[in-house]
Amino acid sequence: MHSRESLVLLRHYLDLGLKKTVIARQLGLNRRTIHHWILTGQLDREIDAATPRRPARRAQQLDPFTPLIDARLKTYPALSAVRLFQECRAAGYPGGITQLRDYVMKVRPRPEPEPIVRFETAPGLQAQCDFAELKLPWGKRYAFLVVLGYSRVLFIDIVARQTALTVMLGLERAFAMFGGVPREILFDQMKSVVVADHRPGGGRLLENPEFLRFAAHWGFRVRACRPYRAQTKGKVERPVGYFRTSFFYGRTFLNDPDLGEQATRWTTDVANQRVHGTTKESPLVRFARDEQHTLLPLAARPYRSLILLPETSRIETRPRVPTITVEQRALSAYSALAAEAH
């Protein structure tokens, strides 16, 4: 028995009209064998014999019930395999659930993923913000990131906690760096900003009242991603990954002040200077040319909360000057000491 490849080549050369002597020499076959196969019609049979055949599928106990499963999944695509097993058993299915579960996994309708529509925001319209968790030898810290949607100018603040006051103070520092305020800020489902989100059920977004007062003071609108749709906040999600890989990964830090100083230098010298992959421009160039003059003016004074107590949530980048304690005594004590000396 010759290989299937040789037999197929033999048929191909015959179709091309090559002489049998040439074909026999090319394939290493006997010319009489080729003549015999052709005259007796064995060439086709030999090719069929060399072609592996799939074994016939064995009938399964589930086969009579697959139309029921298909119909139920067509109407209710999310029905569980356990529920379908119960319904098939009620209809007389004698087998186990494993066979049924394998079939359900194979035929269950897969919903088309919701398309992610990328959009570009107008200059000065929107900023997005998020936290990145940082694990350090001396504890856990957070990078609070704010990015302007049009220019992609990035602001980073290293903080110790994720609180409403942290967000407010971080945003005020970001506004000071930008020299103005965007018209709206997009948040993920931050508990310090969003109390509850009933929009999936036809309700409304419930914001933190204190944060709404803060937003009104600075003049921006609060926007929030819908639950499980954080990818709509991609303009800050990507900088979070960029911050981790380009800055945090592989660096060593002496302490909190060193971490804060290095993060500030990297933001100024690298992140806001490089050519952005989407806009193909440096964020600072794009900001100065198109966006800075479109921002809302800064408020006359910082926001003063009547509810939240002040806290030192930001990691200071300058080392503190040690406090010197001076012992204080009454003048009579010094007079007594002088009398004893004489």
Protein backbone atom coordinates (compact mmCIF):
# COMPACT_ATOMS: atom_id res chain seq x y z
CA MET A 1 0.00 0.00 0.00
CA HIS A 2 1.47 3.30 -1.07
CA SER A 3 0.97 6.48 0.94
CA ARG A 4 -2.04 8.64 0.25
CA GLU A 5 0.33 11.47 -0.78
CA SER A 6 1.88 9.32 -3.54
CA LEU A 7 -1.52 8.25 -4.82
CA VAL A 8 -2.81 11.82 -4.92
CA LEU A 9 0.32 12.96 -6.76
CA LEU A 10 -0.13 10.10 -9.23
CA ARG A 11 -3.69 11.22 -9.98
CA HIS A 12 -2.48 14.85 -10.29
CA TYR A 13 0.26 13.95 -12.80
CA LEU A 14 -2.16 11.87 -14.85
CA ASP A 15 -4.59 14.80 -15.00
CA LEU A 16 -1.72 17.02 -16.23
CA GLY A 17 -1.13 14.59 -19.09
CA LEU A 18 2.38 13.52 -18.13
CA LYS A 19 3.67 10.29 -19.63
CA LYS A 20 3.38 7.24 -17.39
CA THR A 21 7.11 6.53 -17.77
CA VAL A 22 7.93 10.00 -16.42
CA ILE A 23 5.40 9.62 -13.60
CA ALA A 24 6.77 6.21 -12.61
CA ARG A 25 10.32 7.60 -12.46
CA GLN A 26 9.15 10.65 -10.49
CA LEU A 27 7.26 8.63 -7.86
CA GLY A 28 9.46 5.55 -7.79
CA LEU A 29 6.62 3.28 -8.99
CA ASN A 30 6.57 0.45 -11.50
CA ARG A 31 5.10 1.59 -14.85
CA ARG A 32 3.16 -1.71 -15.15
CA THR A 33 1.57 -1.05 -11.73
CA ILE A 34 0.34 2.33 -12.91
CA HIS A 35 -1.12 0.76 -16.08
CA HIS A 36 -2.81 -1.96 -14.01
CA TRP A 37 -4.39 0.52 -11.59
CA ILE A 38 -5.74 2.63 -14.42
CA LEU A 39 -7.16 -0.30 -16.46
CA THR A 40 -8.84 -1.98 -13.49
CA GLY A 41 -10.10 1.27 -11.79
CA GLN A 42 -8.16 0.54 -8.63
CA LEU A 43 -6.55 3.98 -8.37
CA ASP A 44 -9.72 5.56 -6.92
CA ARG A 45 -10.23 2.66 -4.56
CA GLU A 46 -6.65 2.92 -3.31
CA ILE A 47 -7.06 6.67 -2.62
CA ASP A 48 -10.31 6.02 -0.73
CA ALA A 49 -8.63 3.25 1.26
CA ALA A 50 -5.74 5.57 2.19
CA THR A 51 -8.15 8.26 3.45
CA PRO A 52 -8.93 7.82 7.19
CA ARG A 53 -12.63 7.62 7.96
CA ARG A 54 -14.24 9.06 11.06
CA PRO A 55 -15.91 6.50 13.25
CA ALA A 56 -19.69 6.68 13.23
CA ARG A 57 -21.11 8.63 16.17
CA ARG A 58 -22.66 6.44 18.80
CA ALA A 59 -26.23 7.14 19.80
CA GLN A 60 -26.63 8.70 23.25
CA GLN A 61 -29.43 8.63 25.76
CA LEU A 62 -29.74 12.41 25.45
CA ASP A 63 -30.41 12.41 21.67
CA PRO A 64 -34.25 12.28 21.88
CA PHE A 65 -34.21 15.24 24.30
CA THR A 66 -31.88 17.63 22.46
CA PRO A 67 -34.78 19.29 20.56
CA LEU A 68 -36.36 20.09 23.95
CA ILE A 69 -33.08 21.60 25.20
CA ASP A 70 -32.59 23.59 21.99
CA ALA A 71 -36.10 25.02 22.14
CA ARG A 72 -35.80 25.99 25.82
CA LEU A 73 -32.42 27.68 25.28
CA LYS A 74 -33.71 29.53 22.26
CA THR A 75 -36.43 31.10 24.40
CA TYR A 76 -34.47 31.35 27.66
CA PRO A 77 -30.72 31.39 26.85
CA ALA A 78 -29.67 31.68 30.51
CA LEU A 79 -31.42 28.52 31.79
CA SER A 80 -28.97 26.54 33.91
CA ALA A 81 -27.94 22.99 33.08
CA VAL A 82 -29.44 21.86 36.41
CA ARG A 83 -32.82 23.33 35.48
CA LEU A 84 -32.71 21.74 32.02
CA PHE A 85 -31.71 18.41 33.59
CA GLN A 86 -34.79 18.54 35.82
CA GLU A 87 -37.05 19.30 32.86
CA CYS A 88 -35.54 16.50 30.76
CA ARG A 89 -35.88 14.03 33.62
CA ALA A 90 -39.54 14.98 33.90
CA ALA A 91 -39.86 14.24 30.17
CA GLY A 92 -38.32 10.78 30.62
CA TYR A 93 -34.57 11.31 30.21
CA PRO A 94 -32.85 8.35 31.92
CA GLY A 95 -29.24 9.57 31.80
CA GLY A 96 -27.02 11.67 34.05
CA ILE A 97 -26.34 15.40 34.15
CA THR A 98 -22.73 15.26 32.85
CA GLN A 99 -23.80 14.36 29.31
CA LEU A 100 -26.49 17.04 29.39
CA ARG A 101 -24.13 19.68 30.79
CA ASP A 102 -21.57 19.02 28.02
CA TYR A 103 -24.28 19.42 25.39
CA VAL A 104 -25.59 22.63 26.95
CA MET A 105 -22.09 24.15 27.02
CA LYS A 106 -21.75 23.38 23.30
CA VAL A 107 -25.11 24.75 22.10
CA ARG A 108 -25.98 27.54 24.56
CA PRO A 109 -26.44 30.82 22.63
CA ARG A 110 -23.62 33.26 23.25
CA PRO A 111 -24.78 36.89 23.42
CA GLU A 112 -22.82 39.30 21.29
CA PRO A 113 -20.54 41.44 23.47
CA GLU A 114 -21.73 44.99 23.83
CA PRO A 115 -19.61 47.11 21.52
CA ILE A 116 -17.31 49.62 23.17
CA VAL A 117 -17.70 52.92 21.39
CA ARG A 118 -14.59 55.03 21.61
CA PHE A 119 -15.23 58.73 21.65
CA GLU A 120 -13.09 61.81 21.86
CA THR A 121 -14.13 64.56 24.21
CA ALA A 122 -14.00 68.25 23.34
CA PRO A 123 -11.30 70.42 24.93
CA GLY A 124 -12.09 71.29 28.54
CA LEU A 125 -15.19 69.09 28.65
CA GLN A 126 -14.20 66.09 30.75
CA ALA A 127 -11.68 64.67 33.16
CA GLN A 128 -11.59 61.11 34.48
CA CYS A 129 -10.15 59.90 37.76
CA ASP A 130 -9.34 56.65 39.52
CA PHE A 131 -7.15 55.07 42.20
CA ALA A 132 -4.25 52.64 41.68
CA GLU A 133 -3.30 50.50 44.67
CA LEU A 134 0.44 50.37 45.47
CA LYS A 135 1.94 47.69 47.72
CA LEU A 136 5.14 48.82 49.40
CA PRO A 137 7.41 47.26 52.04
CA TRP A 138 6.08 49.68 54.67
CA GLY A 139 2.40 49.42 53.79
CA LYS A 140 -0.29 50.07 51.21
CA ARG A 141 -0.54 53.40 49.41
CA TYR A 142 -2.72 54.71 46.57
CA ALA A 143 -2.03 56.78 43.47
CA PHE A 144 -4.92 59.13 42.74
CA LEU A 145 -4.90 59.79 38.99
CA VAL A 146 -6.75 62.55 37.13
CA VAL A 147 -6.48 62.80 33.33
CA LEU A 148 -7.97 65.42 31.03
CA GLY A 149 -9.98 63.66 28.32
CA TYR A 150 -8.88 65.81 25.38
CA SER A 151 -5.18 66.46 25.94
CA ARG A 152 -4.44 63.42 28.18
CA VAL A 153 -2.52 65.62 30.60
CA LEU A 154 -2.07 63.52 33.73
CA PHE A 155 -2.04 64.49 37.41
CA ILE A 156 -0.96 62.04 40.14
CA ASP A 157 -1.23 62.39 43.92
CA ILE A 158 0.14 59.72 46.30
CA VAL A 159 -2.21 59.25 49.26
CA ALA A 160 -2.59 56.94 52.24
CA ARG A 161 -6.36 56.34 52.07
CA GLN A 162 -9.30 56.32 49.65
CA THR A 163 -11.81 58.67 51.24
CA ALA A 164 -14.17 61.42 50.08
CA LEU A 165 -11.81 64.03 51.51
CA THR A 166 -8.87 62.42 49.70
CA VAL A 167 -10.74 62.73 46.41
CA MET A 168 -11.69 66.34 47.09
CA LEU A 169 -8.17 67.41 48.09
CA GLY A 170 -6.67 65.52 45.15
CA LEU A 171 -9.04 67.18 42.70
CA GLU A 172 -8.26 70.62 44.11
CA ARG A 173 -4.55 69.99 43.57
CA ALA A 174 -5.29 68.77 40.05
CA PHE A 175 -7.33 71.92 39.29
CA ALA A 176 -4.43 74.03 40.53
CA MET A 177 -2.03 72.18 38.23
CA PHE A 178 -4.38 72.49 35.23
CA GLY A 179 -5.07 76.15 35.98
CA GLY A 180 -8.81 75.54 35.59
CA VAL A 181 -11.70 73.11 36.01
CA PRO A 182 -13.23 70.74 33.41
CA ARG A 183 -16.98 70.94 32.93
CA GLU A 184 -17.56 67.35 34.07
CA ILE A 185 -15.64 64.58 35.84
CA LEU A 186 -16.27 60.89 35.21
CA PHE A 187 -15.90 58.47 38.12
CA ASP A 188 -16.12 54.72 38.50
CA GLN A 189 -18.52 53.43 41.16
CA MET A 190 -16.50 55.17 43.92
CA LYS A 191 -18.27 54.89 47.28
CA SER A 192 -16.94 58.30 48.24
CA VAL A 193 -18.79 59.80 45.25
CA VAL A 194 -21.66 57.42 44.36
CA VAL A 195 -23.99 56.27 47.14
CA ALA A 196 -26.18 54.04 44.92
CA ASP A 197 -26.79 53.55 41.20
CA HIS A 198 -30.33 52.51 40.26
CA ARG A 199 -29.98 53.34 36.55
CA PRO A 200 -29.87 49.68 35.39
CA GLY A 201 -33.38 49.24 36.84
CA GLY A 202 -34.73 52.49 35.43
CA GLY A 203 -33.91 54.59 38.50
CA ARG A 204 -31.38 57.34 38.99
CA LEU A 205 -27.87 57.88 40.24
CA LEU A 206 -27.58 58.86 43.92
CA GLU A 207 -24.47 60.93 44.61
CA ASN A 208 -22.83 61.69 47.93
CA PRO A 209 -24.51 64.99 49.04
CA GLU A 210 -21.24 66.35 50.43
CA PHE A 211 -19.47 65.64 47.15
CA LEU A 212 -22.28 67.34 45.22
CA ARG A 213 -21.67 70.47 47.31
CA PHE A 214 -17.98 70.20 46.49
CA ALA A 215 -18.78 69.88 42.76
CA ALA A 216 -21.11 72.89 42.90
CA HIS A 217 -18.38 74.93 44.60
CA TRP A 218 -15.96 74.23 41.73
CA GLY A 219 -18.60 74.28 39.00
CA PHE A 220 -18.26 70.79 37.46
CA ARG A 221 -20.88 68.07 36.87
CA VAL A 222 -20.53 64.60 38.41
CA ARG A 223 -20.78 61.70 35.99
CA ALA A 224 -20.44 58.00 36.85
CA CYS A 225 -19.83 54.88 34.78
CA ARG A 226 -22.70 52.42 34.76
CA PRO A 227 -22.10 49.32 36.91
CA TYR A 228 -19.75 46.78 35.29
CA ARG A 229 -18.99 49.22 32.46
CA ALA A 230 -15.75 50.71 33.77
CA GLN A 231 -14.26 50.38 30.27
CA THR A 232 -16.16 53.55 29.36
CA LYS A 233 -13.62 55.24 31.63
CA GLY A 234 -10.79 54.06 29.40
CA LYS A 235 -8.94 57.38 29.24
CA VAL A 236 -7.93 56.88 32.88
CA GLU A 237 -7.93 53.06 32.93
CA ARG A 238 -5.10 53.02 30.39
CA PRO A 239 -3.00 55.60 32.30
CA VAL A 240 -3.37 53.42 35.43
CA GLY A 241 -1.73 50.54 33.56
CA TYR A 242 0.83 52.90 32.03
CA PHE A 243 1.65 54.29 35.49
CA ARG A 244 2.19 50.78 36.88
CA THR A 245 4.42 49.55 34.05
CA SER A 246 6.33 52.72 33.16
CA PHE A 247 6.78 54.13 36.67
CA PHE A 248 6.01 51.81 39.59
CA TYR A 249 7.20 48.43 38.32
CA GLY A 250 10.91 47.77 38.87
CA ARG A 251 11.63 50.94 40.90
CA THR A 252 12.73 51.15 44.51
CA PHE A 253 11.61 53.81 46.97
CA LEU A 254 13.18 54.82 50.26
CA ASN A 255 9.99 56.07 51.92
CA ASP A 256 6.78 57.99 51.25
CA PRO A 257 8.46 61.32 50.46
CA ASP A 258 10.77 59.61 47.96
CA LEU A 259 7.79 57.85 46.33
CA GLY A 260 5.93 61.15 46.03
CA GLU A 261 8.91 63.02 44.58
CA GLN A 262 9.68 60.33 42.02
CA ALA A 263 6.01 60.16 40.95
CA THR A 264 5.91 63.94 40.47
CA ARG A 265 9.11 63.95 38.39
CA TRP A 266 7.89 61.06 36.24
CA THR A 267 4.54 62.77 35.60
CA THR A 268 6.21 66.04 34.60
CA ASP A 269 9.21 64.72 32.66
CA VAL A 270 7.81 61.53 31.09
CA ALA A 271 4.03 61.01 31.13
CA ASN A 272 3.04 64.52 30.05
CA GLN A 273 5.92 64.92 27.59
CA ARG A 274 5.76 61.69 25.58
CA VAL A 275 3.90 61.34 22.29
CA HIS A 276 0.53 59.80 23.20
CA GLY A 277 -0.37 56.62 21.33
CA THR A 278 -3.90 57.76 20.42
CA THR A 279 -3.56 61.50 19.85
CA LYS A 280 -0.02 61.24 18.34
CA GLU A 281 0.88 64.42 20.21
CA SER A 282 2.52 65.35 23.49
CA PRO A 283 -0.20 65.93 26.15
CA LEU A 284 1.36 69.22 27.26
CA VAL A 285 1.54 70.54 23.68
CA ARG A 286 -2.07 69.58 23.03
CA PHE A 287 -3.13 71.06 26.40
CA ALA A 288 -1.39 74.42 25.88
CA ARG A 289 -2.63 74.81 22.31
CA ASP A 290 -6.25 73.65 22.54
CA GLU A 291 -7.46 72.97 26.07
CA GLN A 292 -6.06 75.22 28.76
CA HIS A 293 -8.07 78.30 27.72
CA THR A 294 -11.33 76.28 27.58
CA LEU A 295 -11.28 75.23 31.25
CA LEU A 296 -13.61 76.88 33.75
CA PRO A 297 -11.94 79.42 36.06
CA LEU A 298 -10.72 78.32 39.47
CA ALA A 299 -12.89 79.04 42.50
CA ALA A 300 -11.86 82.00 44.64
CA ARG A 301 -11.10 79.75 47.62
CA PRO A 302 -10.77 76.04 48.42
CA TYR A 303 -13.87 74.10 49.47
CA ARG A 304 -14.51 74.03 53.21
CA SER A 305 -16.47 70.98 54.33
CA LEU A 306 -18.84 71.38 57.28
CA ILE A 307 -19.00 67.60 57.78
CA LEU A 308 -15.65 66.03 56.93
CA LEU A 309 -12.85 66.56 59.44
CA PRO A 310 -9.44 67.59 58.11
CA GLU A 311 -7.05 64.72 57.64
CA THR A 312 -3.48 64.33 56.40
CA SER A 313 -4.42 61.91 53.63
CA ARG A 314 -1.69 63.02 51.24
CA ILE A 315 1.85 61.73 51.52
CA GLU A 316 4.04 64.76 52.06
CA THR A 317 6.94 65.00 49.62
CA ARG A 318 9.10 67.16 51.93
CA PRO A 319 10.61 65.71 55.11
CA ARG A 320 9.22 67.22 58.25
CA VAL A 321 11.46 69.41 60.49
CA PRO A 322 11.81 67.77 63.91
CA THR A 323 10.12 69.61 66.78
CA ILE A 324 12.35 70.75 69.66
CA THR A 325 10.69 70.78 73.08
CA VAL A 326 11.97 73.45 75.53
CA GLU A 327 11.32 72.97 79.22
CA GLN A 328 9.73 76.04 80.79
CA ARG A 329 10.01 76.94 84.53
CA ALA A 330 8.78 79.78 86.71
CA LEU A 331 11.27 82.57 87.63
CA SER A 332 11.06 81.60 91.33
CA ALA A 333 12.62 78.23 90.50
CA TYR A 334 15.66 79.91 88.99
CA SER A 335 16.01 82.20 92.08
CA ALA A 336 16.02 79.14 94.34
CA LEU A 337 18.70 77.47 92.22
CA ALA A 338 20.86 80.63 92.39
CA ALA A 339 20.56 80.78 96.23
CA GLU A 340 21.65 77.15 96.57
CA ALA A 341 24.71 77.82 94.38
CA HIS A 342 25.92 80.56 96.83
